C-alpha atoms as a PDB file:
ATOM      1  CA  MET A   1      12.865   9.072   3.587  1.00  0.00           C
ATOM      2  CA  GLY A   2      12.966  12.499   1.982  1.00  0.00           C
ATOM      3  CA  LYS A   3      10.964  15.579   2.982  1.00  0.00           C
ATOM      4  CA  LEU A   4       8.237  14.974   0.405  1.00  0.00           C
ATOM      5  CA  ALA A   5       7.684  11.313   1.298  1.00  0.00           C
ATOM      6  CA  SER A   6       7.762  12.118   5.001  1.00  0.00           C
ATOM      7  CA  LEU A   7       5.018  14.761   4.684  1.00  0.00           C
ATOM      8  CA  ILE A   8       2.912  12.376   2.581  1.00  0.00           C
ATOM      9  CA  ASP A   9       3.421   9.582   5.110  1.00  0.00           C
ATOM     10  CA  GLN A  10       2.257  11.906   7.894  1.00  0.00           C
ATOM     11  CA  GLY A  11      -0.748  13.099   5.865  1.00  0.00           C
ATOM     12  CA  ARG A  12       0.447  16.704   6.076  1.00  0.00           C
ATOM     13  CA  TYR A  13      -0.812  17.726   2.638  1.00  0.00           C
ATOM     14  CA  ALA A  14      -1.246  21.445   3.369  1.00  0.00           C
ATOM     15  CA  ASP A  15       2.374  21.601   4.572  1.00  0.00           C
ATOM     16  CA  LEU A  16       3.484  19.628   1.533  1.00  0.00           C
ATOM     17  CA  LYS A  17       1.636  21.991  -0.806  1.00  0.00           C
ATOM     18  CA  ARG A  18       3.314  25.012   0.839  1.00  0.00           C
ATOM     19  CA  LEU A  19       6.715  23.339   0.522  1.00  0.00           C
ATOM     20  CA  LEU A  20       6.094  22.539  -3.151  1.00  0.00           C
ATOM     21  CA  GLU A  21       5.146  26.165  -3.831  1.00  0.00           C
ATOM     22  CA  GLN A  22       8.494  27.307  -2.423  1.00  0.00           C
ATOM     23  CA  GLU A  23      10.786  24.625  -3.862  1.00  0.00           C
ATOM     24  CA  PRO A  24      12.207  24.938  -7.363  1.00  0.00           C
ATOM     25  CA  ILE A  25      11.371  22.111  -9.746  1.00  0.00           C
ATOM     26  CA  SER A  26      15.007  20.948  -9.613  1.00  0.00           C
ATOM     27  CA  SER A  27      14.657  20.234  -5.859  1.00  0.00           C
ATOM     28  CA  ILE A  28      11.378  18.412  -6.378  1.00  0.00           C
ATOM     29  CA  LEU A  29      12.889  16.328  -9.173  1.00  0.00           C
ATOM     30  CA  SER A  30      15.871  15.376  -7.010  1.00  0.00           C
ATOM     31  CA  GLU A  31      13.474  13.595  -4.622  1.00  0.00           C
ATOM     32  CA  TRP A  32      11.055  12.490  -7.329  1.00  0.00           C
ATOM     33  CA  LYS A  33      12.912   9.322  -8.318  1.00  0.00           C
ATOM     34  CA  ASN A  34      12.787   8.043  -4.713  1.00  0.00           C
ATOM     35  CA  LEU A  35       9.014   8.421  -4.394  1.00  0.00           C
ATOM     36  CA  LYS A  36       6.579   5.526  -4.801  1.00  0.00           C
ATOM     37  CA  PRO A  37       4.128   5.841  -7.732  1.00  0.00           C
ATOM     38  CA  LEU A  38       1.201   6.955  -5.548  1.00  0.00           C
ATOM     39  CA  GLU A  39       3.441   9.509  -3.825  1.00  0.00           C
ATOM     40  CA  ARG A  40       4.456  10.882  -7.225  1.00  0.00           C
ATOM     41  CA  LEU A  41       0.824  11.390  -8.167  1.00  0.00           C
ATOM     42  CA  VAL A  42       0.134  13.108  -4.837  1.00  0.00           C
ATOM     43  CA  VAL A  43       3.043  15.505  -5.392  1.00  0.00           C
ATOM     44  CA  PHE A  44       2.014  16.142  -8.999  1.00  0.00           C
ATOM     45  CA  LYS A  45      -1.571  16.965  -7.989  1.00  0.00           C
ATOM     46  CA  LEU A  46      -0.431  19.292  -5.198  1.00  0.00           C
ATOM     47  CA  LEU A  47       1.730  21.361  -7.553  1.00  0.00           C
ATOM     48  CA  SER A  48       0.380  24.523  -9.107  1.00  0.00           C
ATOM     49  CA  VAL A  49      -0.723  23.993 -12.713  1.00  0.00           C
ATOM     50  CA  ASP A  50       2.353  25.864 -14.002  1.00  0.00           C
ATOM     51  CA  LYS A  51       4.793  23.825 -11.896  1.00  0.00           C
ATOM     52  CA  ALA A  52       3.009  20.582 -12.776  1.00  0.00           C
ATOM     53  CA  LEU A  53       3.431  21.346 -16.471  1.00  0.00           C
ATOM     54  CA  GLU A  54       7.081  22.267 -15.934  1.00  0.00           C
ATOM     55  CA  LEU A  55       7.705  18.981 -14.111  1.00  0.00           C
ATOM     56  CA  TYR A  56       5.874  17.081 -16.839  1.00  0.00           C
ATOM     57  CA  ARG A  57       8.022  18.682 -19.544  1.00  0.00           C
ATOM     58  CA  LYS A  58      11.219  17.735 -17.707  1.00  0.00           C
ATOM     59  CA  ALA A  59      10.139  14.121 -17.214  1.00  0.00           C
ATOM     60  CA  ASP A  60      11.185  11.332 -19.549  1.00  0.00           C
ATOM     61  CA  GLU A  61       8.638   9.733 -21.868  1.00  0.00           C
ATOM     62  CA  ALA A  62       7.777   6.834 -19.533  1.00  0.00           C
ATOM     63  CA  GLU A  63       7.170   9.229 -16.644  1.00  0.00           C
ATOM     64  CA  GLN A  64       5.094  11.514 -18.869  1.00  0.00           C
ATOM     65  CA  TYR A  65       2.923   8.552 -19.818  1.00  0.00           C
ATOM     66  CA  PHE A  66       2.546   7.600 -16.139  1.00  0.00           C
ATOM     67  CA  LEU A  67       1.524  11.154 -15.194  1.00  0.00           C
ATOM     68  CA  PHE A  68      -0.874  11.461 -18.115  1.00  0.00           C
ATOM     69  CA  CYS A  69      -2.565   8.178 -17.157  1.00  0.00           C
ATOM     70  CA  GLY A  70      -2.754   9.395 -13.563  1.00  0.00           C
ATOM     71  CA  LEU A  71      -4.672  12.615 -14.284  1.00  0.00           C
ATOM     72  CA  GLY A  72      -8.022  11.493 -12.908  1.00  0.00           C
ATOM     73  CA  SER A  73      -8.762  12.052  -9.226  1.00  0.00           C
ATOM     74  CA  GLN A  74      -9.550   8.337  -8.849  1.00  0.00           C
ATOM     75  CA  THR A  75      -5.827   7.598  -9.139  1.00  0.00           C
ATOM     76  CA  ILE A  76      -5.266   9.018  -5.654  1.00  0.00           C
ATOM     77  CA  ALA A  77      -8.571   7.784  -4.209  1.00  0.00           C
ATOM     78  CA  PRO A  78      -6.853   5.928  -1.343  1.00  0.00           C
ATOM     79  CA  ILE A  79      -5.467   9.286  -0.205  1.00  0.00           C
ATOM     80  CA  LEU A  80      -8.592  11.357  -0.828  1.00  0.00           C
ATOM     81  CA  GLU A  81     -11.141   9.035   0.788  1.00  0.00           C
ATOM     82  CA  ASN A  82     -10.183   9.930   4.366  1.00  0.00           C
ATOM     83  CA  LEU A  83      -9.701  13.670   3.842  1.00  0.00           C
ATOM     84  CA  SER A  84     -12.054  16.515   4.652  1.00  0.00           C
ATOM     85  CA  ASP A  85     -13.471  18.596   1.801  1.00  0.00           C
ATOM     86  CA  ARG A  86     -11.013  21.359   2.697  1.00  0.00           C
ATOM     87  CA  GLU A  87      -8.078  18.966   2.460  1.00  0.00           C
ATOM     88  CA  ARG A  88      -9.340  17.540  -0.847  1.00  0.00           C
ATOM     89  CA  SER A  89      -9.442  21.051  -2.273  1.00  0.00           C
ATOM     90  CA  LEU A  90      -5.632  21.225  -1.955  1.00  0.00           C
ATOM     91  CA  PHE A  91      -5.289  18.852  -4.902  1.00  0.00           C
ATOM     92  CA  ILE A  92      -5.537  20.468  -8.318  1.00  0.00           C
ATOM     93  CA  GLU A  93      -7.988  19.512 -11.005  1.00  0.00           C
ATOM     94  CA  ILE A  94      -6.053  19.438 -14.246  1.00  0.00           C
ATOM     95  CA  PRO A  95      -7.654  21.872 -16.717  1.00  0.00           C
ATOM     96  CA  LYS A  96      -8.729  20.353 -20.030  1.00  0.00           C
ATOM     97  CA  ASN A  97      -6.250  22.447 -22.032  1.00  0.00           C
ATOM     98  CA  PHE A  98      -3.435  21.269 -19.739  1.00  0.00           C
ATOM     99  CA  ALA A  99      -4.356  17.635 -20.388  1.00  0.00           C
ATOM    100  CA  GLU A 100      -4.459  18.367 -24.116  1.00  0.00           C
ATOM    101  CA  ASP A 101      -0.978  19.953 -23.926  1.00  0.00           C
ATOM    102  CA  MET A 102       0.294  16.909 -22.031  1.00  0.00           C
ATOM    103  CA  MET A 103      -1.105  14.560 -24.681  1.00  0.00           C
ATOM    104  CA  ALA A 104       0.357  16.625 -27.531  1.00  0.00           C
ATOM    105  CA  GLU A 105       3.799  16.612 -25.908  1.00  0.00           C
ATOM    106  CA  LEU A 106       3.615  12.888 -25.270  1.00  0.00           C
ATOM    107  CA  LEU A 107       2.631  12.184 -28.872  1.00  0.00           C
ATOM    108  CA  ASN A 108       5.354  14.550 -30.104  1.00  0.00           C
ATOM    109  CA  SER A 109       8.023  12.791 -28.041  1.00  0.00           C
ATOM    110  CA  GLN A 110       6.873   9.414 -29.366  1.00  0.00           C
ATOM    111  CA  GLY A 111       7.110  10.726 -32.906  1.00  0.00           C
ATOM    112  CA  LYS A 112      10.764  11.660 -32.322  1.00  0.00           C
ATOM    113  CA  ALA A 113      11.700   8.193 -31.045  1.00  0.00           C
END
């Protein structure tokens, strides 16, 4: 189990968020493929908006679609339901313009296929 999965498994979301702020996207992506789908959404929603967009842009089309479909907070409800309000606030709300950028990039990549 990698560092990211281990912190998720232990419910150490504040520590995970700090780690994600320090790690370059390349390090995050090296562990990304070994994460379960719910773990990927947790990591994505703990990233800063800028890093989340960078990760999204480096993902393949299938992963972009997965992340786009996972934007709503309900997609990580099993994680959020047992957290305090302070812990829930660690997870980003995707701004509307960010979601629009994600959709445009996804549609653009489909148009190139």
